[in-house]
Amino acid sequence: MGSDTHDGTAGGTRTAPPAAYRSATTLRVNGKPHTLVLDHRRVLLDVLREDLDLTGSKKGCDHGQCGACTVLVDGRRTNSCLLLAVAADGCEVTTVEGLAGDGEELHPLQQAFLDRDAFQCGYCTPGQLCSAVGVLAEAAAGHPSHVTGPAAPSGRPVPLDADEIRERLSGNLCRCGAYPHIVEAVQDVAP
């Protein structure tokens, strides 16, 4: 796969900052490498949306409080509105567009969200999905949450009951209130 080269400005319409404030940055987004010369102050969300035209991740609060911008960076969920894009140099970034991979079939969580009607307006759904993928990986790796019982064996997979899922997804807000269906969808996919 080839790589794309951009000047790091949205649509090339802004005046680029002096070279001292820009760096060549390579992001591997949804399996495809992109090399961009980026202003050090730009956040990953803006680069994904404006430079790479991946608009699934949403700009909600722009303060890391709503989770609409959640993506996976090297497999860990991240609020992309807070992460400087240059800090992700060399990282694998997965957005909602990349969850299903190259295939035609949806990711199991995407299918579960459809089956359970786990969205209403859909604005938060990309962040909810990426966060849920991260939750499944964290629980499988044995990372406890605030509600994980103290007797749970350290380093062993954490069973994802409704309380665990609600706690782990608490950083992702849904203004429509689809929470019960979101929890059910994640339970459907959890081991």
C-alpha atoms as a PDB file:
ATOM      1  CA  MET A   1       0.000   0.000   0.000  1.00  0.00           C
ATOM      2  CA  GLY A   2       1.208   3.458  -0.837  1.00  0.00           C
ATOM      3  CA  SER A   3       1.122   6.392   1.482  1.00  0.00           C
ATOM      4  CA  ASP A   4      -0.583   9.740   1.133  1.00  0.00           C
ATOM      5  CA  THR A   5       1.275  13.001   1.694  1.00  0.00           C
ATOM      6  CA  HIS A   6      -0.554  16.091   2.929  1.00  0.00           C
ATOM      7  CA  ASP A   7       0.533  19.484   4.217  1.00  0.00           C
ATOM      8  CA  GLY A   8      -1.510  18.970   7.400  1.00  0.00           C
ATOM      9  CA  THR A   9      -3.986  21.754   6.756  1.00  0.00           C
ATOM     10  CA  ALA A  10      -7.680  21.126   6.263  1.00  0.00           C
ATOM     11  CA  GLY A  11      -8.180  21.096   2.531  1.00  0.00           C
ATOM     12  CA  GLY A  12      -4.928  23.024   2.162  1.00  0.00           C
ATOM     13  CA  THR A  13      -6.808  26.291   2.790  1.00  0.00           C
ATOM     14  CA  ARG A  14      -4.948  27.519   5.866  1.00  0.00           C
ATOM     15  CA  THR A  15      -1.494  28.987   5.864  1.00  0.00           C
ATOM     16  CA  ALA A  16       0.850  26.344   7.196  1.00  0.00           C
ATOM     17  CA  PRO A  17       2.804  27.255  10.331  1.00  0.00           C
ATOM     18  CA  PRO A  18       6.581  27.687  10.110  1.00  0.00           C
ATOM     19  CA  ALA A  19       8.523  24.474   9.591  1.00  0.00           C
ATOM     20  CA  ALA A  20       9.705  24.538  13.213  1.00  0.00           C
ATOM     21  CA  TYR A  21       6.092  23.914  14.266  1.00  0.00           C
ATOM     22  CA  ARG A  22       5.421  21.042  11.868  1.00  0.00           C
ATOM     23  CA  SER A  23       6.604  17.454  11.734  1.00  0.00           C
ATOM     24  CA  ALA A  24       6.337  14.603   9.271  1.00  0.00           C
ATOM     25  CA  THR A  25       4.032  12.109  10.928  1.00  0.00           C
ATOM     26  CA  THR A  26       3.114   8.631   9.786  1.00  0.00           C
ATOM     27  CA  LEU A  27      -0.183   7.211  10.966  1.00  0.00           C
ATOM     28  CA  ARG A  28      -1.387   3.767  10.028  1.00  0.00           C
ATOM     29  CA  VAL A  29      -5.139   4.325   9.867  1.00  0.00           C
ATOM     30  CA  ASN A  30      -7.420   1.330   9.370  1.00  0.00           C
ATOM     31  CA  GLY A  31      -4.461  -0.602   8.003  1.00  0.00           C
ATOM     32  CA  LYS A  32      -3.322   2.036   5.510  1.00  0.00           C
ATOM     33  CA  PRO A  33      -0.233   4.226   6.073  1.00  0.00           C
ATOM     34  CA  HIS A  34      -0.571   8.000   5.734  1.00  0.00           C
ATOM     35  CA  THR A  35       2.400  10.353   5.930  1.00  0.00           C
ATOM     36  CA  LEU A  36       1.436  13.922   6.720  1.00  0.00           C
ATOM     37  CA  VAL A  37       3.354  17.063   7.647  1.00  0.00           C
ATOM     38  CA  LEU A  38       1.369  18.262  10.637  1.00  0.00           C
ATOM     39  CA  ASP A  39       1.148  21.348  12.770  1.00  0.00           C
ATOM     40  CA  HIS A  40       2.167  20.208  16.259  1.00  0.00           C
ATOM     41  CA  ARG A  41      -1.034  21.681  17.709  1.00  0.00           C
ATOM     42  CA  ARG A  42      -3.485  19.607  15.647  1.00  0.00           C
ATOM     43  CA  VAL A  43      -5.403  16.849  17.344  1.00  0.00           C
ATOM     44  CA  LEU A  44      -5.934  13.406  15.864  1.00  0.00           C
ATOM     45  CA  LEU A  45      -9.693  13.932  15.459  1.00  0.00           C
ATOM     46  CA  ASP A  46      -9.190  16.915  13.173  1.00  0.00           C
ATOM     47  CA  VAL A  47      -6.584  15.084  11.093  1.00  0.00           C
ATOM     48  CA  LEU A  48      -8.873  12.072  10.671  1.00  0.00           C
ATOM     49  CA  ARG A  49     -11.882  14.164   9.699  1.00  0.00           C
ATOM     50  CA  GLU A  50     -10.287  16.996   7.720  1.00  0.00           C
ATOM     51  CA  ASP A  51      -7.223  15.459   6.097  1.00  0.00           C
ATOM     52  CA  LEU A  52      -8.163  11.795   5.718  1.00  0.00           C
ATOM     53  CA  ASP A  53     -11.921  12.309   5.197  1.00  0.00           C
ATOM     54  CA  LEU A  54     -12.796   9.734   7.862  1.00  0.00           C
ATOM     55  CA  THR A  55     -15.829  11.455   9.326  1.00  0.00           C
ATOM     56  CA  GLY A  56     -17.196   8.591  11.425  1.00  0.00           C
ATOM     57  CA  SER A  57     -15.499   9.861  14.577  1.00  0.00           C
ATOM     58  CA  LYS A  58     -17.519  12.828  15.777  1.00  0.00           C
ATOM     59  CA  LYS A  59     -16.582  16.100  17.402  1.00  0.00           C
ATOM     60  CA  GLY A  60     -18.943  16.325  20.351  1.00  0.00           C
ATOM     61  CA  CYS A  61     -17.622  18.324  23.278  1.00  0.00           C
ATOM     62  CA  ASP A  62     -14.016  18.823  22.090  1.00  0.00           C
ATOM     63  CA  HIS A  63     -12.941  18.388  25.740  1.00  0.00           C
ATOM     64  CA  GLY A  64     -12.707  14.592  26.123  1.00  0.00           C
ATOM     65  CA  GLN A  65     -15.915  14.382  28.139  1.00  0.00           C
ATOM     66  CA  CYS A  66     -18.454  12.827  25.771  1.00  0.00           C
ATOM     67  CA  GLY A  67     -16.597   9.999  23.975  1.00  0.00           C
ATOM     68  CA  ALA A  68     -18.043  10.763  20.514  1.00  0.00           C
ATOM     69  CA  CYS A  69     -14.499  10.962  19.137  1.00  0.00           C
ATOM     70  CA  THR A  70     -13.287   7.636  20.580  1.00  0.00           C
ATOM     71  CA  VAL A  71     -10.932   5.666  18.336  1.00  0.00           C
ATOM     72  CA  LEU A  72      -8.482   2.853  19.011  1.00  0.00           C
ATOM     73  CA  VAL A  73      -4.789   3.728  19.062  1.00  0.00           C
ATOM     74  CA  ASP A  74      -2.620   0.621  19.140  1.00  0.00           C
ATOM     75  CA  GLY A  75      -5.720  -1.232  20.347  1.00  0.00           C
ATOM     76  CA  ARG A  76      -6.478   1.090  23.268  1.00  0.00           C
ATOM     77  CA  ARG A  77      -9.459   3.412  23.276  1.00  0.00           C
ATOM     78  CA  THR A  78      -8.548   7.073  23.099  1.00  0.00           C
ATOM     79  CA  ASN A  79     -10.392  10.379  22.948  1.00  0.00           C
ATOM     80  CA  SER A  80      -9.017  11.603  19.641  1.00  0.00           C
ATOM     81  CA  CYS A  81     -10.033  15.195  20.398  1.00  0.00           C
ATOM     82  CA  LEU A  82      -7.358  15.287  23.117  1.00  0.00           C
ATOM     83  CA  LEU A  83      -4.501  13.405  21.432  1.00  0.00           C
ATOM     84  CA  LEU A  84      -2.054  15.507  19.459  1.00  0.00           C
ATOM     85  CA  ALA A  85      -1.703  13.800  16.093  1.00  0.00           C
ATOM     86  CA  VAL A  86       2.110  14.016  16.155  1.00  0.00           C
ATOM     87  CA  ALA A  87       2.046  11.988  19.391  1.00  0.00           C
ATOM     88  CA  ALA A  88       0.486   9.125  17.426  1.00  0.00           C
ATOM     89  CA  ASP A  89       3.394   8.958  14.966  1.00  0.00           C
ATOM     90  CA  GLY A  90       3.969   5.317  14.064  1.00  0.00           C
ATOM     91  CA  CYS A  91       0.767   4.144  15.751  1.00  0.00           C
ATOM     92  CA  GLU A  92      -2.037   1.986  14.408  1.00  0.00           C
ATOM     93  CA  VAL A  93      -5.285   3.958  14.516  1.00  0.00           C
ATOM     94  CA  THR A  94      -8.627   2.206  14.077  1.00  0.00           C
ATOM     95  CA  THR A  95     -11.732   4.265  13.465  1.00  0.00           C
ATOM     96  CA  VAL A  96     -15.309   3.044  13.169  1.00  0.00           C
ATOM     97  CA  GLU A  97     -14.745   2.826   9.407  1.00  0.00           C
ATOM     98  CA  GLY A  98     -12.027   0.229  10.013  1.00  0.00           C
ATOM     99  CA  LEU A  99     -13.768  -2.015  12.545  1.00  0.00           C
ATOM    100  CA  ALA A 100     -15.092  -4.410   9.921  1.00  0.00           C
ATOM    101  CA  GLY A 101     -11.747  -4.588   8.132  1.00  0.00           C
ATOM    102  CA  ASP A 102     -11.742  -5.096   4.390  1.00  0.00           C
ATOM    103  CA  GLY A 103     -14.673  -7.490   4.395  1.00  0.00           C
ATOM    104  CA  GLU A 104     -18.290  -6.827   3.576  1.00  0.00           C
ATOM    105  CA  GLU A 105     -19.518  -8.157   6.909  1.00  0.00           C
ATOM    106  CA  LEU A 106     -19.950  -5.855   9.870  1.00  0.00           C
ATOM    107  CA  HIS A 107     -17.882  -6.184  13.019  1.00  0.00           C
ATOM    108  CA  PRO A 108     -19.859  -8.334  15.517  1.00  0.00           C
ATOM    109  CA  LEU A 109     -20.455  -5.262  17.695  1.00  0.00           C
ATOM    110  CA  GLN A 110     -21.784  -3.277  14.743  1.00  0.00           C
ATOM    111  CA  GLN A 111     -24.199  -6.111  13.987  1.00  0.00           C
ATOM    112  CA  ALA A 112     -25.234  -6.341  17.657  1.00  0.00           C
ATOM    113  CA  PHE A 113     -25.917  -2.581  17.738  1.00  0.00           C
ATOM    114  CA  LEU A 114     -28.184  -3.019  14.711  1.00  0.00           C
ATOM    115  CA  ASP A 115     -29.890  -6.110  16.127  1.00  0.00           C
ATOM    116  CA  ARG A 116     -30.535  -4.438  19.501  1.00  0.00           C
ATOM    117  CA  ASP A 117     -31.427  -1.007  18.090  1.00  0.00           C
ATOM    118  CA  ALA A 118     -28.626   0.404  20.248  1.00  0.00           C
ATOM    119  CA  PHE A 119     -28.674   3.833  18.668  1.00  0.00           C
ATOM    120  CA  GLN A 120     -31.203   6.522  17.956  1.00  0.00           C
ATOM    121  CA  CYS A 121     -29.735   9.618  16.332  1.00  0.00           C
ATOM    122  CA  GLY A 122     -26.456   7.730  15.751  1.00  0.00           C
ATOM    123  CA  TYR A 123     -24.141  10.626  16.593  1.00  0.00           C
ATOM    124  CA  CYS A 124     -22.472   8.839  19.512  1.00  0.00           C
ATOM    125  CA  THR A 125     -22.538   5.402  17.869  1.00  0.00           C
ATOM    126  CA  PRO A 126     -19.038   5.448  16.280  1.00  0.00           C
ATOM    127  CA  GLY A 127     -17.463   6.368  19.622  1.00  0.00           C
ATOM    128  CA  GLN A 128     -19.634   3.862  21.478  1.00  0.00           C
ATOM    129  CA  LEU A 129     -18.562   1.112  19.062  1.00  0.00           C
ATOM    130  CA  CYS A 130     -14.843   1.872  19.265  1.00  0.00           C
ATOM    131  CA  SER A 131     -15.064   2.154  23.031  1.00  0.00           C
ATOM    132  CA  ALA A 132     -16.936  -1.162  23.267  1.00  0.00           C
ATOM    133  CA  VAL A 133     -14.222  -2.887  21.204  1.00  0.00           C
ATOM    134  CA  GLY A 134     -11.688  -1.497  23.682  1.00  0.00           C
ATOM    135  CA  VAL A 135     -13.814  -2.656  26.630  1.00  0.00           C
ATOM    136  CA  LEU A 136     -13.903  -6.222  25.309  1.00  0.00           C
ATOM    137  CA  ALA A 137     -10.104  -6.244  24.941  1.00  0.00           C
ATOM    138  CA  GLU A 138      -9.514  -4.702  28.398  1.00  0.00           C
ATOM    139  CA  ALA A 139     -11.798  -7.218  30.104  1.00  0.00           C
ATOM    140  CA  ALA A 140     -10.234 -10.134  28.197  1.00  0.00           C
ATOM    141  CA  ALA A 141      -6.782  -8.960  29.321  1.00  0.00           C
ATOM    142  CA  GLY A 142      -7.937  -8.941  32.956  1.00  0.00           C
ATOM    143  CA  HIS A 143      -7.982  -5.190  33.540  1.00  0.00           C
ATOM    144  CA  PRO A 144     -10.350  -4.492  36.455  1.00  0.00           C
ATOM    145  CA  SER A 145     -12.781  -1.597  36.608  1.00  0.00           C
ATOM    146  CA  HIS A 146     -14.175   0.319  39.559  1.00  0.00           C
ATOM    147  CA  VAL A 147     -16.964  -2.255  39.956  1.00  0.00           C
ATOM    148  CA  THR A 148     -14.827  -5.392  39.545  1.00  0.00           C
ATOM    149  CA  GLY A 149     -15.028  -7.355  42.768  1.00  0.00           C
ATOM    150  CA  PRO A 150     -11.938  -7.334  44.978  1.00  0.00           C
ATOM    151  CA  ALA A 151     -11.908 -11.138  44.997  1.00  0.00           C
ATOM    152  CA  ALA A 152     -11.558 -11.302  41.211  1.00  0.00           C
ATOM    153  CA  PRO A 153      -8.324 -13.100  40.295  1.00  0.00           C
ATOM    154  CA  SER A 154      -5.680 -10.688  39.061  1.00  0.00           C
ATOM    155  CA  GLY A 155      -4.783 -10.945  35.381  1.00  0.00           C
ATOM    156  CA  ARG A 156      -7.707 -13.221  34.531  1.00  0.00           C
ATOM    157  CA  PRO A 157     -10.457 -12.191  32.123  1.00  0.00           C
ATOM    158  CA  VAL A 158     -13.147 -10.110  33.792  1.00  0.00           C
ATOM    159  CA  PRO A 159     -16.708 -11.271  33.075  1.00  0.00           C
ATOM    160  CA  LEU A 160     -18.718  -8.458  31.500  1.00  0.00           C
ATOM    161  CA  ASP A 161     -22.058  -8.261  33.260  1.00  0.00           C
ATOM    162  CA  ALA A 162     -24.318  -5.222  32.861  1.00  0.00           C
ATOM    163  CA  ASP A 163     -22.651  -3.344  35.751  1.00  0.00           C
ATOM    164  CA  GLU A 164     -19.166  -3.876  34.301  1.00  0.00           C
ATOM    165  CA  ILE A 165     -20.275  -2.715  30.858  1.00  0.00           C
ATOM    166  CA  ARG A 166     -22.033   0.380  32.211  1.00  0.00           C
ATOM    167  CA  GLU A 167     -18.973   1.335  34.274  1.00  0.00           C
ATOM    168  CA  ARG A 168     -16.512   0.757  31.452  1.00  0.00           C
ATOM    169  CA  LEU A 169     -18.607   2.704  28.930  1.00  0.00           C
ATOM    170  CA  SER A 170     -19.391   5.545  31.342  1.00  0.00           C
ATOM    171  CA  GLY A 171     -17.117   7.920  29.407  1.00  0.00           C
ATOM    172  CA  ASN A 172     -19.327   7.641  26.318  1.00  0.00           C
ATOM    173  CA  LEU A 173     -22.475   9.721  26.475  1.00  0.00           C
ATOM    174  CA  CYS A 174     -25.684   9.124  24.530  1.00  0.00           C
ATOM    175  CA  ARG A 175     -28.016  12.092  24.538  1.00  0.00           C
ATOM    176  CA  CYS A 176     -30.855   9.953  23.202  1.00  0.00           C
ATOM    177  CA  GLY A 177     -30.658   7.540  26.142  1.00  0.00           C
ATOM    178  CA  ALA A 178     -30.037   4.297  24.248  1.00  0.00           C
ATOM    179  CA  TYR A 179     -27.943   2.963  27.148  1.00  0.00           C
ATOM    180  CA  PRO A 180     -30.018  -0.176  27.922  1.00  0.00           C
ATOM    181  CA  HIS A 181     -29.765  -1.340  24.308  1.00  0.00           C
ATOM    182  CA  ILE A 182     -26.059  -0.485  24.124  1.00  0.00           C
ATOM    183  CA  VAL A 183     -25.409  -2.630  27.215  1.00  0.00           C
ATOM    184  CA  GLU A 184     -27.437  -5.495  25.714  1.00  0.00           C
ATOM    185  CA  ALA A 185     -25.524  -5.250  22.435  1.00  0.00           C
ATOM    186  CA  VAL A 186     -22.158  -5.454  24.212  1.00  0.00           C
ATOM    187  CA  GLN A 187     -23.432  -8.389  26.329  1.00  0.00           C
ATOM    188  CA  ASP A 188     -24.414 -10.195  23.130  1.00  0.00           C
ATOM    189  CA  VAL A 189     -20.801 -10.048  21.906  1.00  0.00           C
ATOM    190  CA  ALA A 190     -18.984 -10.476  25.234  1.00  0.00           C
ATOM    191  CA  PRO A 191     -17.566 -13.958  25.861  1.00  0.00           C
END
